[in-house]
Amino acid sequence: VGLVLENAAEPEHLELAGDGSRASAHYSCVVETEHAL
């Protein structure tokens, strides 16, 4: 139900393809989950 990126949304890893058509990134985050009782 919720996602919060840590470290002011600075990626731990950001890689852009040489031709600039693709990219990938890794961020530290806190995931909030909610489950019914």
PDB file of all heavy atoms in Angstrom:
ATOM      1  N   VAL A   1       0.810  -1.225   0.000  1.00  0.00           N
ATOM      2  CA  VAL A   1       0.000   0.000   0.000  1.00  0.00           C
ATOM      3  C   VAL A   1       0.839   1.270   0.000  1.00  0.00           C
ATOM      4  O   VAL A   1       0.305   2.349  -0.219  1.00  0.00           O
ATOM      5  CB  VAL A   1      -0.973   0.028   1.199  1.00  0.00           C
ATOM      6  CG1 VAL A   1      -2.007  -1.063   1.070  1.00  0.00           C
ATOM      7  CG2 VAL A   1      -0.225  -0.070   2.508  1.00  0.00           C
ATOM      8  N   GLY A   2       2.134   1.159   0.227  1.00  0.00           N
ATOM      9  CA  GLY A   2       2.962   2.361   0.259  1.00  0.00           C
ATOM     10  C   GLY A   2       4.408   2.069  -0.054  1.00  0.00           C
ATOM     11  O   GLY A   2       4.933   1.015   0.294  1.00  0.00           O
ATOM     12  N   LEU A   3       5.038   3.012  -0.750  1.00  0.00           N
ATOM     13  CA  LEU A   3       6.462   2.934  -1.066  1.00  0.00           C
ATOM     14  C   LEU A   3       7.104   4.270  -0.719  1.00  0.00           C
ATOM     15  O   LEU A   3       6.585   5.326  -1.086  1.00  0.00           O
ATOM     16  CB  LEU A   3       6.679   2.662  -2.556  1.00  0.00           C
ATOM     17  CG  LEU A   3       6.217   1.318  -3.093  1.00  0.00           C
ATOM     18  CD1 LEU A   3       6.279   1.317  -4.601  1.00  0.00           C
ATOM     19  CD2 LEU A   3       7.106   0.217  -2.543  1.00  0.00           C
ATOM     20  N   VAL A   4       8.227   4.206  -0.025  1.00  0.00           N
ATOM     21  CA  VAL A   4       8.966   5.414   0.316  1.00  0.00           C
ATOM     22  C   VAL A   4      10.422   5.169  -0.043  1.00  0.00           C
ATOM     23  O   VAL A   4      11.056   4.268   0.508  1.00  0.00           O
ATOM     24  CB  VAL A   4       8.844   5.741   1.824  1.00  0.00           C
ATOM     25  CG1 VAL A   4       9.668   6.973   2.163  1.00  0.00           C
ATOM     26  CG2 VAL A   4       7.399   5.913   2.223  1.00  0.00           C
ATOM     27  N   LEU A   5      10.945   5.982  -0.981  1.00  0.00           N
ATOM     28  CA  LEU A   5      12.350   5.859  -1.337  1.00  0.00           C
ATOM     29  C   LEU A   5      13.185   6.570  -0.287  1.00  0.00           C
ATOM     30  O   LEU A   5      12.835   7.641   0.181  1.00  0.00           O
ATOM     31  CB  LEU A   5      12.625   6.468  -2.706  1.00  0.00           C
ATOM     32  CG  LEU A   5      11.974   5.778  -3.889  1.00  0.00           C
ATOM     33  CD1 LEU A   5      12.440   6.426  -5.180  1.00  0.00           C
ATOM     34  CD2 LEU A   5      12.276   4.300  -3.921  1.00  0.00           C
ATOM     35  N   GLU A   6      14.302   5.963   0.075  1.00  0.00           N
ATOM     36  CA  GLU A   6      15.188   6.531   1.078  1.00  0.00           C
ATOM     37  C   GLU A   6      16.299   7.329   0.418  1.00  0.00           C
ATOM     38  O   GLU A   6      16.484   7.278  -0.790  1.00  0.00           O
ATOM     39  CB  GLU A   6      15.789   5.417   1.927  1.00  0.00           C
ATOM     40  CG  GLU A   6      14.749   4.682   2.742  1.00  0.00           C
ATOM     41  CD  GLU A   6      15.353   3.586   3.587  1.00  0.00           C
ATOM     42  OE1 GLU A   6      16.441   3.098   3.253  1.00  0.00           O
ATOM     43  OE2 GLU A   6      14.729   3.224   4.578  1.00  0.00           O
ATOM     44  N   ASN A   7      17.047   8.046   1.226  1.00  0.00           N
ATOM     45  CA  ASN A   7      18.209   8.827   0.792  1.00  0.00           C
ATOM     46  C   ASN A   7      17.833   9.873  -0.248  1.00  0.00           C
ATOM     47  O   ASN A   7      18.530  10.068  -1.238  1.00  0.00           O
ATOM     48  CB  ASN A   7      19.310   7.922   0.244  1.00  0.00           C
ATOM     49  CG  ASN A   7      19.800   6.934   1.268  1.00  0.00           C
ATOM     50  OD1 ASN A   7      19.791   7.222   2.450  1.00  0.00           O
ATOM     51  ND2 ASN A   7      20.202   5.772   0.820  1.00  0.00           N
ATOM     52  N   ALA A   8      16.697  10.528  -0.042  1.00  0.00           N
ATOM     53  CA  ALA A   8      16.237  11.618  -0.909  1.00  0.00           C
ATOM     54  C   ALA A   8      16.144  11.185  -2.366  1.00  0.00           C
ATOM     55  O   ALA A   8      16.444  11.933  -3.277  1.00  0.00           O
ATOM     56  CB  ALA A   8      17.137  12.826  -0.771  1.00  0.00           C
ATOM     57  N   ALA A   9      15.755   9.952  -2.578  1.00  0.00           N
ATOM     58  CA  ALA A   9      15.509   9.408  -3.923  1.00  0.00           C
ATOM     59  C   ALA A   9      16.756   9.404  -4.803  1.00  0.00           C
ATOM     60  O   ALA A   9      16.668   9.460  -6.012  1.00  0.00           O
ATOM     61  CB  ALA A   9      14.371  10.140  -4.607  1.00  0.00           C
ATOM     62  N   GLU A  10      17.922   9.332  -4.201  1.00  0.00           N
ATOM     63  CA  GLU A  10      19.147   9.189  -4.974  1.00  0.00           C
ATOM     64  C   GLU A  10      19.362   7.703  -5.236  1.00  0.00           C
ATOM     65  O   GLU A  10      19.325   6.895  -4.309  1.00  0.00           O
ATOM     66  CB  GLU A  10      20.350   9.754  -4.216  1.00  0.00           C
ATOM     67  CG  GLU A  10      20.364  11.249  -4.131  1.00  0.00           C
ATOM     68  CD  GLU A  10      20.568  11.903  -5.485  1.00  0.00           C
ATOM     69  OE1 GLU A  10      21.360  11.389  -6.288  1.00  0.00           O
ATOM     70  OE2 GLU A  10      19.926  12.931  -5.724  1.00  0.00           O
ATOM     71  N   PRO A  11      19.573   7.317  -6.469  1.00  0.00           N
ATOM     72  CA  PRO A  11      19.735   5.889  -6.765  1.00  0.00           C
ATOM     73  C   PRO A  11      21.052   5.340  -6.236  1.00  0.00           C
ATOM     74  O   PRO A  11      22.068   6.031  -6.242  1.00  0.00           O
ATOM     75  CB  PRO A  11      19.689   5.849  -8.286  1.00  0.00           C
ATOM     76  CG  PRO A  11      20.105   7.198  -8.731  1.00  0.00           C
ATOM     77  CD  PRO A  11      19.652   8.140  -7.663  1.00  0.00           C
ATOM     78  N   GLU A  12      21.001   4.101  -5.761  1.00  0.00           N
ATOM     79  CA  GLU A  12      22.235   3.412  -5.394  1.00  0.00           C
ATOM     80  C   GLU A  12      22.995   3.033  -6.656  1.00  0.00           C
ATOM     81  O   GLU A  12      24.210   2.967  -6.668  1.00  0.00           O
ATOM     82  CB  GLU A  12      21.914   2.141  -4.607  1.00  0.00           C
ATOM     83  CG  GLU A  12      21.366   2.390  -3.244  1.00  0.00           C
ATOM     84  CD  GLU A  12      21.041   1.104  -2.521  1.00  0.00           C
ATOM     85  OE1 GLU A  12      21.249   0.002  -3.079  1.00  0.00           O
ATOM     86  OE2 GLU A  12      20.572   1.194  -1.386  1.00  0.00           O
ATOM     87  N   HIS A  13      22.228   2.774  -7.707  1.00  0.00           N
ATOM     88  CA  HIS A  13      22.802   2.355  -8.984  1.00  0.00           C
ATOM     89  C   HIS A  13      21.924   2.919 -10.090  1.00  0.00           C
ATOM     90  O   HIS A  13      20.712   2.762 -10.060  1.00  0.00           O
ATOM     91  CB  HIS A  13      22.829   0.820  -9.038  1.00  0.00           C
ATOM     92  CG  HIS A  13      23.125   0.283 -10.393  1.00  0.00           C
ATOM     93  ND1 HIS A  13      24.379   0.261 -10.929  1.00  0.00           N
ATOM     94  CD2 HIS A  13      22.312  -0.244 -11.346  1.00  0.00           C
ATOM     95  CE1 HIS A  13      24.326  -0.272 -12.140  1.00  0.00           C
ATOM     96  NE2 HIS A  13      23.090  -0.581 -12.413  1.00  0.00           N
ATOM     97  N   LEU A  14      22.521   3.584 -11.052  1.00  0.00           N
ATOM     98  CA  LEU A  14      21.797   4.088 -12.214  1.00  0.00           C
ATOM     99  C   LEU A  14      22.670   3.845 -13.432  1.00  0.00           C
ATOM    100  O   LEU A  14      23.810   4.293 -13.476  1.00  0.00           O
ATOM    101  CB  LEU A  14      21.486   5.577 -12.091  1.00  0.00           C
ATOM    102  CG  LEU A  14      20.789   6.212 -13.291  1.00  0.00           C
ATOM    103  CD1 LEU A  14      19.399   5.623 -13.485  1.00  0.00           C
ATOM    104  CD2 LEU A  14      20.687   7.704 -13.136  1.00  0.00           C
ATOM    105  N   GLU A  15      22.133   3.112 -14.380  1.00  0.00           N
ATOM    106  CA  GLU A  15      22.895   2.777 -15.575  1.00  0.00           C
ATOM    107  C   GLU A  15      22.084   3.147 -16.803  1.00  0.00           C
ATOM    108  O   GLU A  15      20.950   2.695 -16.969  1.00  0.00           O
ATOM    109  CB  GLU A  15      23.209   1.282 -15.577  1.00  0.00           C
ATOM    110  CG  GLU A  15      24.041   0.845 -16.745  1.00  0.00           C
ATOM    111  CD  GLU A  15      24.348  -0.649 -16.694  1.00  0.00           C
ATOM    112  OE1 GLU A  15      24.317  -1.228 -15.597  1.00  0.00           O
ATOM    113  OE2 GLU A  15      24.609  -1.215 -17.762  1.00  0.00           O
ATOM    114  N   LEU A  16      22.678   3.959 -17.657  1.00  0.00           N
ATOM    115  CA  LEU A  16      22.063   4.331 -18.924  1.00  0.00           C
ATOM    116  C   LEU A  16      22.746   3.565 -20.035  1.00  0.00           C
ATOM    117  O   LEU A  16      23.970   3.431 -20.047  1.00  0.00           O
ATOM    118  CB  LEU A  16      22.211   5.830 -19.178  1.00  0.00           C
ATOM    119  CG  LEU A  16      21.401   6.751 -18.289  1.00  0.00           C
ATOM    120  CD1 LEU A  16      21.868   8.180 -18.433  1.00  0.00           C
ATOM    121  CD2 LEU A  16      19.937   6.648 -18.643  1.00  0.00           C
ATOM    122  N   ALA A  17      21.969   3.069 -20.980  1.00  0.00           N
ATOM    123  CA  ALA A  17      22.530   2.359 -22.127  1.00  0.00           C
ATOM    124  C   ALA A  17      23.331   3.335 -22.981  1.00  0.00           C
ATOM    125  O   ALA A  17      23.070   4.545 -22.969  1.00  0.00           O
ATOM    126  CB  ALA A  17      21.418   1.726 -22.950  1.00  0.00           C
ATOM    127  N   GLY A  18      24.278   2.820 -23.730  1.00  0.00           N
ATOM    128  CA  GLY A  18      25.125   3.661 -24.558  1.00  0.00           C
ATOM    129  C   GLY A  18      24.359   4.474 -25.578  1.00  0.00           C
ATOM    130  O   GLY A  18      24.700   5.625 -25.865  1.00  0.00           O
ATOM    131  N   ASP A  19      23.303   3.911 -26.130  1.00  0.00           N
ATOM    132  CA  ASP A  19      22.519   4.635 -27.133  1.00  0.00           C
ATOM    133  C   ASP A  19      21.441   5.514 -26.507  1.00  0.00           C
ATOM    134  O   ASP A  19      20.744   6.243 -27.211  1.00  0.00           O
ATOM    135  CB  ASP A  19      21.889   3.672 -28.132  1.00  0.00           C
ATOM    136  CG  ASP A  19      20.935   2.677 -27.491  1.00  0.00           C
ATOM    137  OD1 ASP A  19      20.824   2.653 -26.248  1.00  0.00           O
ATOM    138  OD2 ASP A  19      20.293   1.922 -28.242  1.00  0.00           O
ATOM    139  N   GLY A  20      21.276   5.458 -25.186  1.00  0.00           N
ATOM    140  CA  GLY A  20      20.320   6.311 -24.493  1.00  0.00           C
ATOM    141  C   GLY A  20      18.878   5.875 -24.610  1.00  0.00           C
ATOM    142  O   GLY A  20      17.977   6.644 -24.308  1.00  0.00           O
ATOM    143  N   SER A  21      18.640   4.627 -25.005  1.00  0.00           N
ATOM    144  CA  SER A  21      17.256   4.169 -25.176  1.00  0.00           C
ATOM    145  C   SER A  21      16.721   3.420 -23.962  1.00  0.00           C
ATOM    146  O   SER A  21      15.511   3.262 -23.824  1.00  0.00           O
ATOM    147  CB  SER A  21      17.149   3.280 -26.405  1.00  0.00           C
ATOM    148  OG  SER A  21      17.915   2.102 -26.220  1.00  0.00           O
ATOM    149  N   ARG A  22      17.590   2.942 -23.103  1.00  0.00           N
ATOM    150  CA  ARG A  22      17.174   2.179 -21.926  1.00  0.00           C
ATOM    151  C   ARG A  22      17.978   2.616 -20.712  1.00  0.00           C
ATOM    152  O   ARG A  22      19.077   3.138 -20.831  1.00  0.00           O
ATOM    153  CB  ARG A  22      17.372   0.685 -22.139  1.00  0.00           C
ATOM    154  CG  ARG A  22      16.512   0.114 -23.213  1.00  0.00           C
ATOM    155  CD  ARG A  22      16.655  -1.409 -23.247  1.00  0.00           C
ATOM    156  NE  ARG A  22      15.697  -1.973 -24.147  1.00  0.00           N
ATOM    157  CZ  ARG A  22      14.430  -2.236 -23.845  1.00  0.00           C
ATOM    158  NH1 ARG A  22      13.990  -1.984 -22.641  1.00  0.00           N
ATOM    159  NH2 ARG A  22      13.609  -2.745 -24.721  1.00  0.00           N
ATOM    160  N   ALA A  23      17.410   2.341 -19.537  1.00  0.00           N
ATOM    161  CA  ALA A  23      18.098   2.643 -18.280  1.00  0.00           C
ATOM    162  C   ALA A  23      17.588   1.699 -17.207  1.00  0.00           C
ATOM    163  O   ALA A  23      16.507   1.111 -17.340  1.00  0.00           O
ATOM    164  CB  ALA A  23      17.848   4.093 -17.874  1.00  0.00           C
ATOM    165  N   SER A  24      18.364   1.557 -16.151  1.00  0.00           N
ATOM    166  CA  SER A  24      17.929   0.778 -14.989  1.00  0.00           C
ATOM    167  C   SER A  24      18.470   1.472 -13.743  1.00  0.00           C
ATOM    168  O   SER A  24      19.504   2.131 -13.783  1.00  0.00           O
ATOM    169  CB  SER A  24      18.430  -0.662 -15.060  1.00  0.00           C
ATOM    170  OG  SER A  24      19.834  -0.691 -14.981  1.00  0.00           O
ATOM    171  N   ALA A  25      17.723   1.325 -12.649  1.00  0.00           N
ATOM    172  CA  ALA A  25      18.116   1.972 -11.395  1.00  0.00           C
ATOM    173  C   ALA A  25      17.701   1.112 -10.214  1.00  0.00           C
ATOM    174  O   ALA A  25      16.728   0.360 -10.288  1.00  0.00           O
ATOM    175  CB  ALA A  25      17.469   3.353 -11.288  1.00  0.00           C
ATOM    176  N   HIS A  26      18.467   1.226  -9.127  1.00  0.00           N
ATOM    177  CA  HIS A  26      18.161   0.558  -7.860  1.00  0.00           C
ATOM    178  C   HIS A  26      18.105   1.623  -6.778  1.00  0.00           C
ATOM    179  O   HIS A  26      19.000   2.464  -6.696  1.00  0.00           O
ATOM    180  CB  HIS A  26      19.235  -0.455  -7.487  1.00  0.00           C
ATOM    181  CG  HIS A  26      19.441  -1.518  -8.515  1.00  0.00           C
ATOM    182  ND1 HIS A  26      20.510  -2.368  -8.472  1.00  0.00           N
ATOM    183  CD2 HIS A  26      18.738  -1.879  -9.606  1.00  0.00           C
ATOM    184  CE1 HIS A  26      20.460  -3.204  -9.488  1.00  0.00           C
ATOM    185  NE2 HIS A  26      19.388  -2.908 -10.201  1.00  0.00           N
ATOM    186  N   TYR A  27      17.065   1.566  -5.961  1.00  0.00           N
ATOM    187  CA  TYR A  27      16.888   2.507  -4.863  1.00  0.00           C
ATOM    188  C   TYR A  27      16.620   1.725  -3.580  1.00  0.00           C
ATOM    189  O   TYR A  27      15.967   0.684  -3.619  1.00  0.00           O
ATOM    190  CB  TYR A  27      15.669   3.414  -5.096  1.00  0.00           C
ATOM    191  CG  TYR A  27      15.768   4.322  -6.282  1.00  0.00           C
ATOM    192  CD1 TYR A  27      15.401   3.889  -7.549  1.00  0.00           C
ATOM    193  CD2 TYR A  27      16.194   5.628  -6.137  1.00  0.00           C
ATOM    194  CE1 TYR A  27      15.473   4.732  -8.635  1.00  0.00           C
ATOM    195  CE2 TYR A  27      16.260   6.481  -7.219  1.00  0.00           C
ATOM    196  CZ  TYR A  27      15.904   6.027  -8.466  1.00  0.00           C
ATOM    197  OH  TYR A  27      15.978   6.861  -9.546  1.00  0.00           O
ATOM    198  N   SER A  28      17.071   2.239  -2.451  1.00  0.00           N
ATOM    199  CA  SER A  28      16.664   1.695  -1.154  1.00  0.00           C
ATOM    200  C   SER A  28      15.274   2.240  -0.865  1.00  0.00           C
ATOM    201  O   SER A  28      15.012   3.417  -1.083  1.00  0.00           O
ATOM    202  CB  SER A  28      17.611   2.146  -0.051  1.00  0.00           C
ATOM    203  OG  SER A  28      18.869   1.603  -0.244  1.00  0.00           O
ATOM    204  N   CYS A  29      14.391   1.376  -0.381  1.00  0.00           N
ATOM    205  CA  CYS A  29      13.039   1.852  -0.105  1.00  0.00           C
ATOM    206  C   CYS A  29      12.439   1.119   1.084  1.00  0.00           C
ATOM    207  O   CYS A  29      12.935   0.087   1.518  1.00  0.00           O
ATOM    208  CB  CYS A  29      12.138   1.695  -1.327  1.00  0.00           C
ATOM    209  SG  CYS A  29      11.630   0.023  -1.689  1.00  0.00           S
ATOM    210  N   VAL A  30      11.374   1.698   1.595  1.00  0.00           N
ATOM    211  CA  VAL A  30      10.580   1.077   2.645  1.00  0.00           C
ATOM    212  C   VAL A  30       9.237   0.743   2.018  1.00  0.00           C
ATOM    213  O   VAL A  30       8.579   1.607   1.438  1.00  0.00           O
ATOM    214  CB  VAL A  30      10.407   2.027   3.850  1.00  0.00           C
ATOM    215  CG1 VAL A  30       9.466   1.417   4.875  1.00  0.00           C
ATOM    216  CG2 VAL A  30      11.753   2.345   4.461  1.00  0.00           C
ATOM    217  N   VAL A  31       8.846  -0.528   2.114  1.00  0.00           N
ATOM    218  CA  VAL A  31       7.594  -0.994   1.550  1.00  0.00           C
ATOM    219  C   VAL A  31       6.604  -1.213   2.689  1.00  0.00           C
ATOM    220  O   VAL A  31       6.897  -1.931   3.642  1.00  0.00           O
ATOM    221  CB  VAL A  31       7.797  -2.323   0.773  1.00  0.00           C
ATOM    222  CG1 VAL A  31       6.490  -2.846   0.229  1.00  0.00           C
ATOM    223  CG2 VAL A  31       8.813  -2.140  -0.328  1.00  0.00           C
ATOM    224  N   GLU A  32       5.458  -0.573   2.590  1.00  0.00           N
ATOM    225  CA  GLU A  32       4.397  -0.753   3.580  1.00  0.00           C
ATOM    226  C   GLU A  32       3.378  -1.735   3.016  1.00  0.00           C
ATOM    227  O   GLU A  32       2.898  -1.571   1.901  1.00  0.00           O
ATOM    228  CB  GLU A  32       3.718   0.572   3.892  1.00  0.00           C
ATOM    229  CG  GLU A  32       4.596   1.536   4.629  1.00  0.00           C
ATOM    230  CD  GLU A  32       3.862   2.815   4.996  1.00  0.00           C
ATOM    231  OE1 GLU A  32       2.616   2.856   4.870  1.00  0.00           O
ATOM    232  OE2 GLU A  32       4.542   3.744   5.402  1.00  0.00           O
ATOM    233  N   THR A  33       3.072  -2.750   3.815  1.00  0.00           N
ATOM    234  CA  THR A  33       2.070  -3.729   3.403  1.00  0.00           C
ATOM    235  C   THR A  33       0.950  -3.755   4.431  1.00  0.00           C
ATOM    236  O   THR A  33       1.150  -3.433   5.606  1.00  0.00           O
ATOM    237  CB  THR A  33       2.685  -5.139   3.276  1.00  0.00           C
ATOM    238  OG1 THR A  33       3.302  -5.493   4.506  1.00  0.00           O
ATOM    239  CG2 THR A  33       3.704  -5.196   2.157  1.00  0.00           C
ATOM    240  N   GLU A  34      -0.216  -4.117   3.953  1.00  0.00           N
ATOM    241  CA  GLU A  34      -1.389  -4.188   4.820  1.00  0.00           C
ATOM    242  C   GLU A  34      -2.073  -5.526   4.569  1.00  0.00           C
ATOM    243  O   GLU A  34      -2.328  -5.886   3.409  1.00  0.00           O
ATOM    244  CB  GLU A  34      -2.334  -3.029   4.496  1.00  0.00           C
ATOM    245  CG  GLU A  34      -3.557  -2.986   5.375  1.00  0.00           C
ATOM    246  CD  GLU A  34      -4.408  -1.769   5.081  1.00  0.00           C
ATOM    247  OE1 GLU A  34      -4.036  -0.680   5.547  1.00  0.00           O
ATOM    248  OE2 GLU A  34      -5.407  -1.924   4.373  1.00  0.00           O
ATOM    249  N   HIS A  35      -2.372  -6.243   5.641  1.00  0.00           N
ATOM    250  CA  HIS A  35      -3.014  -7.553   5.544  1.00  0.00           C
ATOM    251  C   HIS A  35      -4.253  -7.573   6.443  1.00  0.00           C
ATOM    252  O   HIS A  35      -4.227  -7.056   7.558  1.00  0.00           O
ATOM    253  CB  HIS A  35      -2.052  -8.673   5.968  1.00  0.00           C
ATOM    254  CG  HIS A  35      -0.813  -8.722   5.123  1.00  0.00           C
ATOM    255  ND1 HIS A  35      -0.801  -9.227   3.848  1.00  0.00           N
ATOM    256  CD2 HIS A  35       0.451  -8.300   5.371  1.00  0.00           C
ATOM    257  CE1 HIS A  35       0.416  -9.137   3.351  1.00  0.00           C
ATOM    258  NE2 HIS A  35       1.195  -8.566   4.261  1.00  0.00           N
ATOM    259  N   ALA A  36      -5.291  -8.181   5.940  1.00  0.00           N
ATOM    260  CA  ALA A  36      -6.537  -8.277   6.709  1.00  0.00           C
ATOM    261  C   ALA A  36      -6.343  -9.207   7.903  1.00  0.00           C
ATOM    262  O   ALA A  36      -5.612 -10.205   7.828  1.00  0.00           O
ATOM    263  CB  ALA A  36      -7.656  -8.789   5.818  1.00  0.00           C
ATOM    264  N   LEU A  37      -6.986  -8.848   8.997  1.00  0.00           N
ATOM    265  CA  LEU A  37      -6.943  -9.709  10.185  1.00  0.00           C
ATOM    266  C   LEU A  37      -7.814 -10.924   9.920  1.00  0.00           C
ATOM    267  O   LEU A  37      -8.993 -10.801   9.594  1.00  0.00           O
ATOM    268  CB  LEU A  37      -7.446  -8.952  11.413  1.00  0.00           C
ATOM    269  CG  LEU A  37      -6.575  -7.795  11.887  1.00  0.00           C
ATOM    270  CD1 LEU A  37      -7.262  -7.053  13.012  1.00  0.00           C
ATOM    271  CD2 LEU A  37      -5.226  -8.303  12.341  1.00  0.00           C
TER     272      LEU A  37
END
